[in-house]
Amino acid sequence: MRIQRAALVSGATALVGTALTLAITGSAILFDPHSEVASATLVDGWGRRQQLASLGFGYVGVPKVEGAVEIKCVSGKVIRSGYVTPGASMWQRMGRKGSCSTR
């Protein structure tokens, strides 16, 4: 019983810590409910790129560049949208299934 409680407290602490870190440092989150995105990258005006980490629900990262989100869909279509900058949060959601577009 104590091990289960310790695991629950540990998991909750990690979740709260991650959420606070993303809120304080800024975050770029792309929700992909239909699994249409092959990759998501932050791209600035000078061509510097920062890959977002793929999670089960989408893509997440802490911006180190100021620029746009480049989304490559599994269909081959590439779109740029959103605006990211270090210290600010940007959340986007992919549109309806089969559209490879953001809302």
N, C-alpha and C. Protein backbone atom coordinates (compact mmCIF):
# COMPACT_ATOMS: atom_id res chain seq x y z
N MET A 1 0.82 -1.19 0.00
CA MET A 1 0.00 0.00 0.00
C MET A 1 0.87 1.26 0.00
N ARG A 2 1.95 1.24 0.79
CA ARG A 2 2.83 2.40 0.86
C ARG A 2 3.53 2.64 -0.46
N ILE A 3 3.89 1.56 -1.15
CA ILE A 3 4.56 1.69 -2.44
C ILE A 3 3.61 2.33 -3.46
N GLN A 4 2.36 1.93 -3.47
CA GLN A 4 1.38 2.52 -4.38
C GLN A 4 1.19 4.00 -4.09
N ARG A 5 1.11 4.35 -2.83
CA ARG A 5 0.93 5.75 -2.45
C ARG A 5 2.17 6.56 -2.85
N ALA A 6 3.35 6.01 -2.63
CA ALA A 6 4.59 6.69 -3.00
C ALA A 6 4.66 6.89 -4.51
N ALA A 7 4.24 5.88 -5.26
CA ALA A 7 4.24 5.99 -6.72
C ALA A 7 3.25 7.05 -7.19
N LEU A 8 2.08 7.10 -6.56
CA LEU A 8 1.07 8.09 -6.91
C LEU A 8 1.56 9.50 -6.60
N VAL A 9 2.13 9.70 -5.43
CA VAL A 9 2.65 11.02 -5.05
C VAL A 9 3.80 11.42 -5.97
N SER A 10 4.68 10.50 -6.28
CA SER A 10 5.81 10.76 -7.16
C SER A 10 5.33 11.15 -8.56
N GLY A 11 4.36 10.43 -9.09
CA GLY A 11 3.82 10.73 -10.41
C GLY A 11 3.13 12.09 -10.44
N ALA A 12 2.36 12.39 -9.41
CA ALA A 12 1.67 13.68 -9.34
C ALA A 12 2.67 14.83 -9.24
N THR A 13 3.73 14.64 -8.47
CA THR A 13 4.76 15.67 -8.34
C THR A 13 5.46 15.91 -9.67
N ALA A 14 5.77 14.85 -10.38
CA ALA A 14 6.41 14.99 -11.69
C ALA A 14 5.50 15.71 -12.67
N LEU A 15 4.22 15.39 -12.67
CA LEU A 15 3.26 16.04 -13.56
C LEU A 15 3.13 17.53 -13.25
N VAL A 16 3.01 17.87 -11.99
CA VAL A 16 2.91 19.28 -11.59
C VAL A 16 4.20 20.02 -11.92
N GLY A 17 5.34 19.39 -11.67
CA GLY A 17 6.62 20.00 -11.98
C GLY A 17 6.79 20.28 -13.47
N THR A 18 6.39 19.35 -14.30
CA THR A 18 6.46 19.53 -15.75
C THR A 18 5.53 20.65 -16.21
N ALA A 19 4.32 20.67 -15.69
CA ALA A 19 3.37 21.72 -16.07
C ALA A 19 3.89 23.10 -15.66
N LEU A 20 4.45 23.22 -14.47
CA LEU A 20 5.00 24.50 -14.02
C LEU A 20 6.19 24.94 -14.87
N THR A 21 7.04 24.00 -15.21
CA THR A 21 8.19 24.32 -16.06
C THR A 21 7.74 24.85 -17.41
N LEU A 22 6.77 24.19 -18.03
CA LEU A 22 6.27 24.64 -19.32
C LEU A 22 5.57 26.00 -19.21
N ALA A 23 4.88 26.24 -18.11
CA ALA A 23 4.19 27.52 -17.92
C ALA A 23 5.18 28.66 -17.70
N ILE A 24 6.26 28.41 -16.98
CA ILE A 24 7.22 29.47 -16.66
C ILE A 24 8.16 29.74 -17.82
N THR A 25 8.68 28.71 -18.46
CA THR A 25 9.67 28.89 -19.52
C THR A 25 9.04 29.11 -20.89
N GLY A 26 7.76 28.91 -21.00
CA GLY A 26 7.10 29.00 -22.30
C GLY A 26 7.09 27.63 -22.95
N SER A 27 6.17 27.41 -23.85
CA SER A 27 6.09 26.11 -24.49
C SER A 27 5.46 26.23 -25.87
N ALA A 28 5.78 25.28 -26.71
CA ALA A 28 5.14 25.13 -28.01
C ALA A 28 4.50 23.76 -28.00
N ILE A 29 3.18 23.73 -28.09
CA ILE A 29 2.45 22.46 -28.04
C ILE A 29 1.54 22.37 -29.26
N LEU A 30 1.67 21.29 -30.01
CA LEU A 30 0.83 21.04 -31.17
C LEU A 30 0.03 19.78 -30.90
N PHE A 31 -1.28 19.92 -30.73
CA PHE A 31 -2.15 18.76 -30.49
C PHE A 31 -2.49 18.12 -31.83
N ASP A 32 -2.36 16.81 -31.91
CA ASP A 32 -2.60 16.07 -33.15
C ASP A 32 -3.51 14.87 -32.84
N PRO A 33 -4.82 15.13 -32.68
CA PRO A 33 -5.72 14.05 -32.28
C PRO A 33 -5.94 12.97 -33.34
N HIS A 34 -5.67 13.27 -34.61
CA HIS A 34 -5.92 12.30 -35.69
C HIS A 34 -4.63 11.67 -36.22
N SER A 35 -3.49 11.93 -35.57
CA SER A 35 -2.18 11.37 -35.96
C SER A 35 -1.85 11.67 -37.42
N GLU A 36 -2.04 12.93 -37.81
CA GLU A 36 -1.75 13.33 -39.19
C GLU A 36 -0.36 13.92 -39.37
N VAL A 37 0.31 14.27 -38.28
CA VAL A 37 1.59 14.96 -38.36
C VAL A 37 2.74 13.96 -38.35
N ALA A 38 3.66 14.10 -39.32
CA ALA A 38 4.86 13.27 -39.36
C ALA A 38 5.96 13.88 -38.51
N SER A 39 6.07 15.23 -38.52
CA SER A 39 7.05 15.92 -37.69
C SER A 39 6.63 17.38 -37.53
N ALA A 40 7.13 17.98 -36.47
CA ALA A 40 6.87 19.39 -36.20
C ALA A 40 8.18 20.04 -35.77
N THR A 41 8.51 21.18 -36.39
CA THR A 41 9.78 21.84 -36.16
C THR A 41 9.54 23.34 -36.00
N LEU A 42 10.28 23.96 -35.08
CA LEU A 42 10.25 25.41 -34.96
C LEU A 42 11.34 25.95 -35.89
N VAL A 43 10.99 26.94 -36.71
CA VAL A 43 11.91 27.49 -37.70
C VAL A 43 11.93 29.00 -37.57
N ASP A 44 13.15 29.59 -37.50
CA ASP A 44 13.23 31.04 -37.43
C ASP A 44 13.59 31.62 -38.80
N GLY A 45 13.71 32.94 -38.88
CA GLY A 45 13.97 33.62 -40.16
C GLY A 45 15.35 33.37 -40.73
N TRP A 46 16.28 32.86 -39.94
CA TRP A 46 17.64 32.59 -40.40
C TRP A 46 17.85 31.13 -40.72
N GLY A 47 16.80 30.35 -40.66
CA GLY A 47 16.90 28.94 -41.01
C GLY A 47 17.26 28.01 -39.87
N ARG A 48 17.42 28.56 -38.66
CA ARG A 48 17.68 27.68 -37.52
C ARG A 48 16.43 26.88 -37.21
N ARG A 49 16.64 25.63 -36.85
CA ARG A 49 15.52 24.71 -36.64
C ARG A 49 15.62 24.06 -35.27
N GLN A 50 14.46 23.81 -34.66
CA GLN A 50 14.38 23.11 -33.38
C GLN A 50 13.25 22.10 -33.48
N GLN A 51 13.60 20.84 -33.43
CA GLN A 51 12.61 19.76 -33.53
C GLN A 51 11.78 19.69 -32.26
N LEU A 52 10.46 19.51 -32.40
CA LEU A 52 9.60 19.30 -31.24
C LEU A 52 9.55 17.81 -30.93
N ALA A 53 9.44 17.48 -29.64
CA ALA A 53 9.38 16.09 -29.21
C ALA A 53 8.00 15.50 -29.49
N SER A 54 7.97 14.30 -30.01
CA SER A 54 6.72 13.62 -30.31
C SER A 54 6.22 12.88 -29.07
N LEU A 55 4.97 13.18 -28.68
CA LEU A 55 4.32 12.48 -27.59
C LEU A 55 3.07 11.81 -28.15
N GLY A 56 2.36 11.06 -27.37
CA GLY A 56 1.18 10.36 -27.86
C GLY A 56 0.09 11.27 -28.38
N PHE A 57 -0.05 12.45 -27.81
CA PHE A 57 -1.13 13.37 -28.18
C PHE A 57 -0.69 14.45 -29.16
N GLY A 58 0.60 14.55 -29.45
CA GLY A 58 1.09 15.60 -30.34
C GLY A 58 2.57 15.85 -30.15
N TYR A 59 2.97 17.12 -30.26
CA TYR A 59 4.36 17.52 -30.23
C TYR A 59 4.56 18.64 -29.23
N VAL A 60 5.68 18.59 -28.49
CA VAL A 60 5.92 19.54 -27.40
C VAL A 60 7.38 19.98 -27.41
N GLY A 61 7.61 21.25 -27.06
CA GLY A 61 8.98 21.74 -26.90
C GLY A 61 9.00 23.07 -26.20
N VAL A 62 10.17 23.45 -25.70
CA VAL A 62 10.39 24.76 -25.11
C VAL A 62 11.15 25.56 -26.16
N PRO A 63 10.55 26.63 -26.72
CA PRO A 63 11.17 27.37 -27.82
C PRO A 63 12.52 27.98 -27.45
N LYS A 64 13.50 27.75 -28.31
CA LYS A 64 14.80 28.40 -28.20
C LYS A 64 15.00 29.36 -29.36
N VAL A 65 14.10 29.32 -30.33
CA VAL A 65 14.15 30.21 -31.49
C VAL A 65 12.84 30.99 -31.58
N GLU A 66 12.88 32.09 -32.29
CA GLU A 66 11.69 32.90 -32.52
C GLU A 66 11.29 32.73 -33.98
N GLY A 67 10.09 32.25 -34.21
CA GLY A 67 9.67 32.01 -35.58
C GLY A 67 8.35 31.30 -35.68
N ALA A 68 8.23 30.42 -36.67
CA ALA A 68 6.98 29.72 -36.96
C ALA A 68 7.12 28.23 -36.69
N VAL A 69 5.98 27.55 -36.67
CA VAL A 69 5.95 26.10 -36.53
C VAL A 69 5.79 25.52 -37.93
N GLU A 70 6.74 24.68 -38.34
CA GLU A 70 6.65 23.98 -39.63
C GLU A 70 6.14 22.58 -39.37
N ILE A 71 5.01 22.26 -39.97
CA ILE A 71 4.35 20.97 -39.75
C ILE A 71 4.43 20.16 -41.04
N LYS A 72 4.99 18.96 -40.94
CA LYS A 72 5.02 18.03 -42.08
C LYS A 72 4.01 16.94 -41.79
N CYS A 73 3.02 16.84 -42.66
CA CYS A 73 1.97 15.84 -42.47
C CYS A 73 2.36 14.52 -43.14
N VAL A 74 1.72 13.45 -42.73
CA VAL A 74 2.00 12.13 -43.31
C VAL A 74 1.62 12.09 -44.79
N SER A 75 0.75 12.99 -45.23
CA SER A 75 0.35 13.06 -46.64
C SER A 75 1.42 13.72 -47.50
N GLY A 76 2.45 14.32 -46.86
CA GLY A 76 3.51 15.00 -47.60
C GLY A 76 3.36 16.51 -47.62
N LYS A 77 2.21 17.00 -47.24
CA LYS A 77 1.95 18.44 -47.21
C LYS A 77 2.75 19.08 -46.08
N VAL A 78 3.32 20.28 -46.36
CA VAL A 78 4.08 21.03 -45.36
C VAL A 78 3.40 22.38 -45.17
N ILE A 79 3.09 22.74 -43.92
CA ILE A 79 2.48 24.03 -43.64
C ILE A 79 3.27 24.73 -42.53
N ARG A 80 3.24 26.05 -42.55
CA ARG A 80 3.83 26.85 -41.47
C ARG A 80 2.73 27.67 -40.84
N SER A 81 2.70 27.66 -39.53
CA SER A 81 1.68 28.44 -38.84
C SER A 81 2.14 28.75 -37.43
N GLY A 82 1.41 29.61 -36.78
CA GLY A 82 1.72 29.96 -35.41
C GLY A 82 2.93 30.85 -35.29
N TYR A 83 3.17 31.34 -34.11
CA TYR A 83 4.33 32.18 -33.80
C TYR A 83 4.86 31.73 -32.45
N VAL A 84 6.15 31.47 -32.39
CA VAL A 84 6.76 31.06 -31.13
C VAL A 84 7.92 31.99 -30.80
N THR A 85 8.14 32.17 -29.53
CA THR A 85 9.28 32.93 -29.04
C THR A 85 9.64 32.40 -27.66
N PRO A 86 10.91 32.43 -27.29
CA PRO A 86 11.29 31.96 -25.96
C PRO A 86 10.54 32.73 -24.87
N GLY A 87 10.03 32.02 -23.88
CA GLY A 87 9.35 32.64 -22.76
C GLY A 87 7.85 32.79 -22.92
N ALA A 88 7.32 32.50 -24.10
CA ALA A 88 5.88 32.62 -24.33
C ALA A 88 5.33 31.25 -24.76
N SER A 89 4.09 31.00 -24.40
CA SER A 89 3.46 29.73 -24.76
C SER A 89 2.64 29.85 -26.03
N MET A 90 2.67 28.82 -26.86
CA MET A 90 1.89 28.75 -28.08
C MET A 90 1.29 27.35 -28.15
N TRP A 91 -0.03 27.27 -28.20
CA TRP A 91 -0.71 25.99 -28.32
C TRP A 91 -1.52 26.00 -29.61
N GLN A 92 -1.40 24.95 -30.40
CA GLN A 92 -2.19 24.81 -31.63
C GLN A 92 -2.80 23.43 -31.66
N ARG A 93 -3.84 23.30 -32.46
CA ARG A 93 -4.51 22.01 -32.63
C ARG A 93 -4.70 21.78 -34.12
N MET A 94 -4.41 20.56 -34.55
CA MET A 94 -4.66 20.20 -35.93
C MET A 94 -6.17 20.17 -36.16
N GLY A 95 -6.56 20.55 -37.37
CA GLY A 95 -7.99 20.63 -37.71
C GLY A 95 -8.64 19.28 -37.90
N ARG A 96 -9.72 19.29 -38.66
CA ARG A 96 -10.48 18.05 -38.85
C ARG A 96 -9.64 16.99 -39.60
N LYS A 97 -10.03 15.78 -39.44
CA LYS A 97 -9.30 14.64 -40.00
C LYS A 97 -9.20 14.76 -41.52
N GLY A 98 -7.99 14.53 -42.04
CA GLY A 98 -7.77 14.54 -43.48
C GLY A 98 -7.46 15.91 -44.06
N SER A 99 -7.49 16.96 -43.24
CA SER A 99 -7.28 18.31 -43.79
C SER A 99 -5.84 18.78 -43.71
N CYS A 100 -5.06 18.24 -42.81
CA CYS A 100 -3.67 18.67 -42.58
C CYS A 100 -3.61 20.19 -42.47
N SER A 101 -4.43 20.74 -41.60
CA SER A 101 -4.43 22.18 -41.38
C SER A 101 -4.65 22.44 -39.89
N THR A 102 -4.28 23.64 -39.46
CA THR A 102 -4.50 24.00 -38.06
C THR A 102 -5.77 24.80 -37.96
N ARG A 103 -6.35 24.82 -36.78
CA ARG A 103 -7.58 25.58 -36.56
C ARG A 103 -7.26 27.03 -36.37
